[in-house]
């Protein structure tokens, strides 16, 4: 991680942590992860505030099967 990454962390928090106390941080992480603030809060409650853990938790809850992906692109 570069110094530039640290400066760009939402709300000035550690770059890999999600700060639910800061409204600005909450809104920024929700936007970055494409979820609602309530979904983000729920995920943090379940897996902790590490952004990578939260992202994996959210992706797992929205995962699709290969068959669904093939249908999305117009396959059989």
PDB file of N, CA and C in Angstrom:
ATOM      1  N   UNK A   1       0.842  -1.181   0.000  1.00  0.00           N
ATOM      2  CA  UNK A   1       0.000   0.000   0.000  1.00  0.00           C
ATOM      3  C   UNK A   1       0.883   1.238   0.000  1.00  0.00           C
ATOM      4  N   UNK A   2       0.534   2.203  -0.802  1.00  0.00           N
ATOM      5  CA  UNK A   2       1.333   3.419  -0.905  1.00  0.00           C
ATOM      6  C   UNK A   2       0.808   4.486   0.044  1.00  0.00           C
ATOM      7  N   UNK A   3       1.603   5.534   0.243  1.00  0.00           N
ATOM      8  CA  UNK A   3       1.149   6.663   1.056  1.00  0.00           C
ATOM      9  C   UNK A   3      -0.074   7.316   0.437  1.00  0.00           C
ATOM     10  N   UNK A   4      -0.139   7.319  -0.887  1.00  0.00           N
ATOM     11  CA  UNK A   4      -1.281   7.909  -1.581  1.00  0.00           C
ATOM     12  C   UNK A   4      -2.572   7.168  -1.231  1.00  0.00           C
ATOM     13  N   UNK A   5      -2.519   5.825  -1.126  1.00  0.00           N
ATOM     14  CA  UNK A   5      -3.694   5.043  -0.753  1.00  0.00           C
ATOM     15  C   UNK A   5      -4.187   5.449   0.626  1.00  0.00           C
ATOM     16  N   UNK A   6      -3.265   5.666   1.544  1.00  0.00           N
ATOM     17  CA  UNK A   6      -3.627   6.034   2.904  1.00  0.00           C
ATOM     18  C   UNK A   6      -4.308   7.398   2.944  1.00  0.00           C
ATOM     19  N   UNK A   7      -3.850   8.319   2.126  1.00  0.00           N
ATOM     20  CA  UNK A   7      -4.457   9.653   2.110  1.00  0.00           C
ATOM     21  C   UNK A   7      -5.872   9.614   1.550  1.00  0.00           C
ATOM     22  N   UNK A   8      -6.162   8.651   0.703  1.00  0.00           N
ATOM     23  CA  UNK A   8      -7.466   8.577   0.069  1.00  0.00           C
ATOM     24  C   UNK A   8      -8.481   7.719   0.833  1.00  0.00           C
ATOM     25  N   UNK A   9      -8.139   7.273   2.017  1.00  0.00           N
ATOM     26  CA  UNK A   9      -9.063   6.457   2.793  1.00  0.00           C
ATOM     27  C   UNK A   9     -10.291   7.280   3.184  1.00  0.00           C
ATOM     28  N   UNK A  10     -11.493   6.711   3.038  1.00  0.00           N
ATOM     29  CA  UNK A  10     -12.709   7.444   3.407  1.00  0.00           C
ATOM     30  C   UNK A  10     -12.656   7.900   4.860  1.00  0.00           C
ATOM     31  N   UNK A  11     -13.005   9.147   5.081  1.00  0.00           N
ATOM     32  CA  UNK A  11     -13.108   9.673   6.431  1.00  0.00           C
ATOM     33  C   UNK A  11     -11.796   9.770   7.182  1.00  0.00           C
ATOM     34  N   UNK A  12     -10.669   9.561   6.507  1.00  0.00           N
ATOM     35  CA  UNK A  12      -9.383   9.640   7.175  1.00  0.00           C
ATOM     36  C   UNK A  12      -9.085   8.445   8.057  1.00  0.00           C
ATOM     37  N   UNK A  13      -9.904   7.426   8.015  1.00  0.00           N
ATOM     38  CA  UNK A  13      -9.692   6.235   8.824  1.00  0.00           C
ATOM     39  C   UNK A  13      -8.618   5.374   8.183  1.00  0.00           C
ATOM     40  N   UNK A  14      -8.265   4.294   8.859  1.00  0.00           N
ATOM     41  CA  UNK A  14      -7.332   3.361   8.241  1.00  0.00           C
ATOM     42  C   UNK A  14      -7.935   2.924   6.919  1.00  0.00           C
ATOM     43  N   UNK A  15      -7.127   2.810   5.872  1.00  0.00           N
ATOM     44  CA  UNK A  15      -7.675   2.555   4.538  1.00  0.00           C
ATOM     45  C   UNK A  15      -8.397   1.225   4.386  1.00  0.00           C
ATOM     46  N   UNK A  16      -8.115   0.259   5.251  1.00  0.00           N
ATOM     47  CA  UNK A  16      -8.783  -1.028   5.112  1.00  0.00           C
ATOM     48  C   UNK A  16      -9.860  -1.251   6.170  1.00  0.00           C
ATOM     49  N   UNK A  17     -10.271  -0.193   6.834  1.00  0.00           N
ATOM     50  CA  UNK A  17     -11.299  -0.297   7.879  1.00  0.00           C
ATOM     51  C   UNK A  17     -12.511   0.546   7.511  1.00  0.00           C
ATOM     52  N   UNK A  18     -13.682   0.061   7.881  1.00  0.00           N
ATOM     53  CA  UNK A  18     -14.920   0.787   7.623  1.00  0.00           C
ATOM     54  C   UNK A  18     -15.396   1.393   8.935  1.00  0.00           C
ATOM     55  N   UNK A  19     -15.460   2.709   8.972  1.00  0.00           N
ATOM     56  CA  UNK A  19     -15.859   3.448  10.170  1.00  0.00           C
ATOM     57  C   UNK A  19     -17.352   3.739  10.103  1.00  0.00           C
ATOM     58  N   UNK A  20     -18.139   3.009  10.894  1.00  0.00           N
ATOM     59  CA  UNK A  20     -19.590   3.195  10.881  1.00  0.00           C
ATOM     60  C   UNK A  20     -20.030   4.436  11.654  1.00  0.00           C
ATOM     61  N   UNK A  21     -19.128   5.036  12.404  1.00  0.00           N
ATOM     62  CA  UNK A  21     -19.469   6.226  13.185  1.00  0.00           C
ATOM     63  C   UNK A  21     -19.540   7.466  12.294  1.00  0.00           C
ATOM     64  N   UNK A  22     -18.721   7.500  11.269  1.00  0.00           N
ATOM     65  CA  UNK A  22     -18.667   8.648  10.366  1.00  0.00           C
ATOM     66  C   UNK A  22     -19.681   8.474   9.233  1.00  0.00           C
ATOM     67  N   UNK A  23     -20.615   9.403   9.127  1.00  0.00           N
ATOM     68  CA  UNK A  23     -21.610   9.342   8.051  1.00  0.00           C
ATOM     69  C   UNK A  23     -20.952   9.407   6.679  1.00  0.00           C
ATOM     70  N   UNK A  24     -19.918  10.232   6.556  1.00  0.00           N
ATOM     71  CA  UNK A  24     -19.227  10.362   5.272  1.00  0.00           C
ATOM     72  C   UNK A  24     -18.534   9.054   4.898  1.00  0.00           C
ATOM     73  N   UNK A  25     -17.884   8.420   5.857  1.00  0.00           N
ATOM     74  CA  UNK A  25     -17.210   7.151   5.610  1.00  0.00           C
ATOM     75  C   UNK A  25     -18.221   6.066   5.252  1.00  0.00           C
ATOM     76  N   UNK A  26     -19.301   6.024   5.982  1.00  0.00           N
ATOM     77  CA  UNK A  26     -20.352   5.040   5.725  1.00  0.00           C
ATOM     78  C   UNK A  26     -20.900   5.195   4.307  1.00  0.00           C
ATOM     79  N   UNK A  27     -21.185   6.415   3.919  1.00  0.00           N
ATOM     80  CA  UNK A  27     -21.713   6.678   2.578  1.00  0.00           C
ATOM     81  C   UNK A  27     -20.693   6.311   1.501  1.00  0.00           C
ATOM     82  N   UNK A  28     -19.427   6.643   1.733  1.00  0.00           N
ATOM     83  CA  UNK A  28     -18.384   6.350   0.755  1.00  0.00           C
ATOM     84  C   UNK A  28     -18.181   4.845   0.578  1.00  0.00           C
ATOM     85  N   UNK A  29     -18.108   4.093   1.672  1.00  0.00           N
ATOM     86  CA  UNK A  29     -17.933   2.647   1.573  1.00  0.00           C
ATOM     87  C   UNK A  29     -19.151   1.991   0.946  1.00  0.00           C
ATOM     88  N   UNK A  30     -20.341   2.467   1.266  1.00  0.00           N
ATOM     89  CA  UNK A  30     -21.556   1.912   0.660  1.00  0.00           C
ATOM     90  C   UNK A  30     -21.515   2.121  -0.851  1.00  0.00           C
ATOM     91  N   UNK A  31     -21.078   3.293  -1.280  1.00  0.00           N
ATOM     92  CA  UNK A  31     -20.961   3.578  -2.715  1.00  0.00           C
ATOM     93  C   UNK A  31     -19.903   2.679  -3.359  1.00  0.00           C
ATOM     94  N   UNK A  32     -18.742   2.580  -2.723  1.00  0.00           N
ATOM     95  CA  UNK A  32     -17.654   1.768  -3.274  1.00  0.00           C
ATOM     96  C   UNK A  32     -18.034   0.299  -3.394  1.00  0.00           C
ATOM     97  N   UNK A  33     -18.805  -0.193  -2.445  1.00  0.00           N
ATOM     98  CA  UNK A  33     -19.168  -1.608  -2.447  1.00  0.00           C
ATOM     99  C   UNK A  33     -20.533  -1.865  -3.097  1.00  0.00           C
ATOM    100  N   UNK A  34     -21.176  -0.794  -3.575  1.00  0.00           N
ATOM    101  CA  UNK A  34     -22.463  -0.888  -4.280  1.00  0.00           C
ATOM    102  C   UNK A  34     -23.538  -1.568  -3.449  1.00  0.00           C
ATOM    103  N   UNK A  35     -23.670  -1.115  -2.195  1.00  0.00           N
ATOM    104  CA  UNK A  35     -24.696  -1.630  -1.289  1.00  0.00           C
ATOM    105  C   UNK A  35     -25.346  -0.455  -0.568  1.00  0.00           C
ATOM    106  N   UNK A  36     -26.440  -0.730   0.117  1.00  0.00           N
ATOM    107  CA  UNK A  36     -27.060   0.313   0.930  1.00  0.00           C
ATOM    108  C   UNK A  36     -26.274   0.455   2.235  1.00  0.00           C
ATOM    109  N   UNK A  37     -26.477   1.553   2.907  1.00  0.00           N
ATOM    110  CA  UNK A  37     -25.800   1.752   4.189  1.00  0.00           C
ATOM    111  C   UNK A  37     -26.251   0.707   5.203  1.00  0.00           C
ATOM    112  N   UNK A  38     -27.525   0.318   5.157  1.00  0.00           N
ATOM    113  CA  UNK A  38     -28.016  -0.722   6.071  1.00  0.00           C
ATOM    114  C   UNK A  38     -27.347  -2.067   5.795  1.00  0.00           C
ATOM    115  N   UNK A  39     -27.168  -2.411   4.519  1.00  0.00           N
ATOM    116  CA  UNK A  39     -26.480  -3.655   4.168  1.00  0.00           C
ATOM    117  C   UNK A  39     -25.034  -3.609   4.652  1.00  0.00           C
ATOM    118  N   UNK A  40     -24.401  -2.463   4.516  1.00  0.00           N
ATOM    119  CA  UNK A  40     -23.023  -2.301   4.965  1.00  0.00           C
ATOM    120  C   UNK A  40     -22.926  -2.472   6.482  1.00  0.00           C
ATOM    121  N   UNK A  41     -23.818  -1.826   7.215  1.00  0.00           N
ATOM    122  CA  UNK A  41     -23.821  -1.941   8.678  1.00  0.00           C
ATOM    123  C   UNK A  41     -24.013  -3.395   9.103  1.00  0.00           C
ATOM    124  N   UNK A  42     -24.934  -4.081   8.453  1.00  0.00           N
ATOM    125  CA  UNK A  42     -25.203  -5.480   8.772  1.00  0.00           C
ATOM    126  C   UNK A  42     -23.965  -6.336   8.519  1.00  0.00           C
ATOM    127  N   UNK A  43     -23.299  -6.102   7.401  1.00  0.00           N
ATOM    128  CA  UNK A  43     -22.099  -6.869   7.066  1.00  0.00           C
ATOM    129  C   UNK A  43     -20.987  -6.623   8.081  1.00  0.00           C
ATOM    130  N   UNK A  44     -20.796  -5.369   8.471  1.00  0.00           N
ATOM    131  CA  UNK A  44     -19.759  -5.046   9.460  1.00  0.00           C
ATOM    132  C   UNK A  44     -20.080  -5.715  10.795  1.00  0.00           C
ATOM    133  N   UNK A  45     -21.341  -5.747  11.159  1.00  0.00           N
ATOM    134  CA  UNK A  45     -21.752  -6.408  12.398  1.00  0.00           C
ATOM    135  C   UNK A  45     -21.415  -7.893  12.359  1.00  0.00           C
ATOM    136  N   UNK A  46     -21.558  -8.497  11.184  1.00  0.00           N
ATOM    137  CA  UNK A  46     -21.330  -9.937  11.051  1.00  0.00           C
ATOM    138  C   UNK A  46     -19.863 -10.323  10.924  1.00  0.00           C
ATOM    139  N   UNK A  47     -19.070  -9.534  10.191  1.00  0.00           N
ATOM    140  CA  UNK A  47     -17.691  -9.965   9.896  1.00  0.00           C
ATOM    141  C   UNK A  47     -16.611  -9.019  10.388  1.00  0.00           C
ATOM    142  N   UNK A  48     -16.979  -7.903  10.981  1.00  0.00           N
ATOM    143  CA  UNK A  48     -15.990  -6.946  11.447  1.00  0.00           C
ATOM    144  C   UNK A  48     -15.811  -5.803  10.464  1.00  0.00           C
ATOM    145  N   UNK A  49     -14.903  -4.883  10.778  1.00  0.00           N
ATOM    146  CA  UNK A  49     -14.781  -3.652   9.994  1.00  0.00           C
ATOM    147  C   UNK A  49     -13.700  -3.665   8.918  1.00  0.00           C
ATOM    148  N   UNK A  50     -13.022  -4.790   8.716  1.00  0.00           N
ATOM    149  CA  UNK A  50     -12.019  -4.864   7.638  1.00  0.00           C
ATOM    150  C   UNK A  50     -12.734  -4.874   6.299  1.00  0.00           C
ATOM    151  N   UNK A  51     -12.380  -3.937   5.449  1.00  0.00           N
ATOM    152  CA  UNK A  51     -13.059  -3.766   4.162  1.00  0.00           C
ATOM    153  C   UNK A  51     -13.013  -5.029   3.308  1.00  0.00           C
ATOM    154  N   UNK A  52     -11.885  -5.719   3.314  1.00  0.00           N
ATOM    155  CA  UNK A  52     -11.785  -6.932   2.494  1.00  0.00           C
ATOM    156  C   UNK A  52     -12.734  -8.018   2.990  1.00  0.00           C
ATOM    157  N   UNK A  53     -12.865  -8.151   4.301  1.00  0.00           N
ATOM    158  CA  UNK A  53     -13.795  -9.141   4.858  1.00  0.00           C
ATOM    159  C   UNK A  53     -15.239  -8.787   4.523  1.00  0.00           C
ATOM    160  N   UNK A  54     -15.547  -7.509   4.644  1.00  0.00           N
ATOM    161  CA  UNK A  54     -16.904  -7.046   4.339  1.00  0.00           C
ATOM    162  C   UNK A  54     -17.219  -7.266   2.866  1.00  0.00           C
ATOM    163  N   UNK A  55     -16.267  -6.937   2.003  1.00  0.00           N
ATOM    164  CA  UNK A  55     -16.483  -7.120   0.565  1.00  0.00           C
ATOM    165  C   UNK A  55     -16.716  -8.592   0.225  1.00  0.00           C
ATOM    166  N   UNK A  56     -15.919  -9.470   0.786  1.00  0.00           N
ATOM    167  CA  UNK A  56     -16.092 -10.903   0.522  1.00  0.00           C
ATOM    168  C   UNK A  56     -17.433 -11.395   1.043  1.00  0.00           C
ATOM    169  N   UNK A  57     -17.835 -10.941   2.207  1.00  0.00           N
ATOM    170  CA  UNK A  57     -19.133 -11.318   2.770  1.00  0.00           C
ATOM    171  C   UNK A  57     -20.259 -10.861   1.846  1.00  0.00           C
ATOM    172  N   UNK A  58     -20.186  -9.618   1.394  1.00  0.00           N
ATOM    173  CA  UNK A  58     -21.234  -9.088   0.521  1.00  0.00           C
ATOM    174  C   UNK A  58     -21.253  -9.786  -0.828  1.00  0.00           C
ATOM    175  N   UNK A  59     -20.105 -10.064  -1.388  1.00  0.00           N
ATOM    176  CA  UNK A  59     -20.052 -10.765  -2.673  1.00  0.00           C
ATOM    177  C   UNK A  59     -20.608 -12.172  -2.541  1.00  0.00           C
ATOM    178  N   UNK A  60     -20.316 -12.813  -1.430  1.00  0.00           N
ATOM    179  CA  UNK A  60     -20.829 -14.162  -1.202  1.00  0.00           C
ATOM    180  C   UNK A  60     -22.340 -14.178  -1.107  1.00  0.00           C
ATOM    181  N   UNK A  61     -22.906 -13.136  -0.552  1.00  0.00           N
ATOM    182  CA  UNK A  61     -24.357 -13.087  -0.401  1.00  0.00           C
ATOM    183  C   UNK A  61     -25.049 -12.717  -1.702  1.00  0.00           C
ATOM    184  N   UNK A  62     -24.266 -12.231  -2.692  1.00  0.00           N
ATOM    185  CA  UNK A  62     -24.849 -11.842  -3.975  1.00  0.00           C
ATOM    186  C   UNK A  62     -24.304 -12.683  -5.112  1.00  0.00           C
ATOM    187  N   UNK A  63     -23.680 -13.794  -4.775  1.00  0.00           N
ATOM    188  CA  UNK A  63     -23.048 -14.582  -5.821  1.00  0.00           C
ATOM    189  C   UNK A  63     -24.078 -15.250  -6.716  1.00  0.00           C
ATOM    190  N   UNK A  64     -23.657 -15.543  -7.926  1.00  0.00           N
ATOM    191  CA  UNK A  64     -24.509 -16.229  -8.883  1.00  0.00           C
ATOM    192  C   UNK A  64     -23.810 -17.495  -9.338  1.00  0.00           C
ATOM    193  N   UNK A  65     -24.572 -18.382  -9.912  1.00  0.00           N
ATOM    194  CA  UNK A  65     -23.975 -19.596 -10.450  1.00  0.00           C
ATOM    195  C   UNK A  65     -23.477 -19.320 -11.856  1.00  0.00           C
ATOM    196  N   UNK A  66     -22.638 -20.193 -12.368  1.00  0.00           N
ATOM    197  CA  UNK A  66     -22.145 -20.047 -13.730  1.00  0.00           C
ATOM    198  C   UNK A  66     -23.313 -20.095 -14.715  1.00  0.00           C
ATOM    199  N   UNK A  67     -24.291 -20.944 -14.462  1.00  0.00           N
ATOM    200  CA  UNK A  67     -25.458 -21.050 -15.341  1.00  0.00           C
ATOM    201  C   UNK A  67     -26.180 -19.700 -15.434  1.00  0.00           C
ATOM    202  N   UNK A  68     -26.333 -18.993 -14.313  1.00  0.00           N
ATOM    203  CA  UNK A  68     -26.989 -17.679 -14.326  1.00  0.00           C
ATOM    204  C   UNK A  68     -26.160 -16.675 -15.122  1.00  0.00           C
ATOM    205  N   UNK A  69     -24.864 -16.736 -15.021  1.00  0.00           N
ATOM    206  CA  UNK A  69     -24.004 -15.811 -15.759  1.00  0.00           C
ATOM    207  C   UNK A  69     -24.091 -16.056 -17.258  1.00  0.00           C
ATOM    208  N   UNK A  70     -24.168 -17.321 -17.664  1.00  0.00           N
ATOM    209  CA  UNK A  70     -24.277 -17.654 -19.080  1.00  0.00           C
ATOM    210  C   UNK A  70     -25.595 -17.105 -19.630  1.00  0.00           C
ATOM    211  N   UNK A  71     -26.665 -17.236 -18.867  1.00  0.00           N
ATOM    212  CA  UNK A  71     -27.962 -16.707 -19.307  1.00  0.00           C
ATOM    213  C   UNK A  71     -27.912 -15.199 -19.455  1.00  0.00           C
ATOM    214  N   UNK A  72     -27.184 -14.512 -18.559  1.00  0.00           N
ATOM    215  CA  UNK A  72     -27.095 -13.051 -18.615  1.00  0.00           C
ATOM    216  C   UNK A  72     -26.458 -12.560 -19.898  1.00  0.00           C
ATOM    217  N   UNK A  73     -25.525 -13.306 -20.453  1.00  0.00           N
ATOM    218  CA  UNK A  73     -24.847 -12.876 -21.670  1.00  0.00           C
ATOM    219  C   UNK A  73     -25.476 -13.474 -22.934  1.00  0.00           C
ATOM    220  N   UNK A  74     -26.624 -14.100 -22.768  1.00  0.00           N
ATOM    221  CA  UNK A  74     -27.365 -14.597 -23.924  1.00  0.00           C
ATOM    222  C   UNK A  74     -27.030 -16.009 -24.345  1.00  0.00           C
ATOM    223  N   UNK A  75     -26.403 -16.776 -23.470  1.00  0.00           N
ATOM    224  CA  UNK A  75     -26.083 -18.172 -23.784  1.00  0.00           C
ATOM    225  C   UNK A  75     -27.257 -19.086 -23.515  1.00  0.00           C
ATOM    226  N   UNK A  76     -27.031 -20.376 -23.635  1.00  0.00           N
ATOM    227  CA  UNK A  76     -28.084 -21.377 -23.462  1.00  0.00           C
ATOM    228  C   UNK A  76     -28.589 -21.490 -22.063  1.00  0.00           C
TER     229      UNK A  76
END
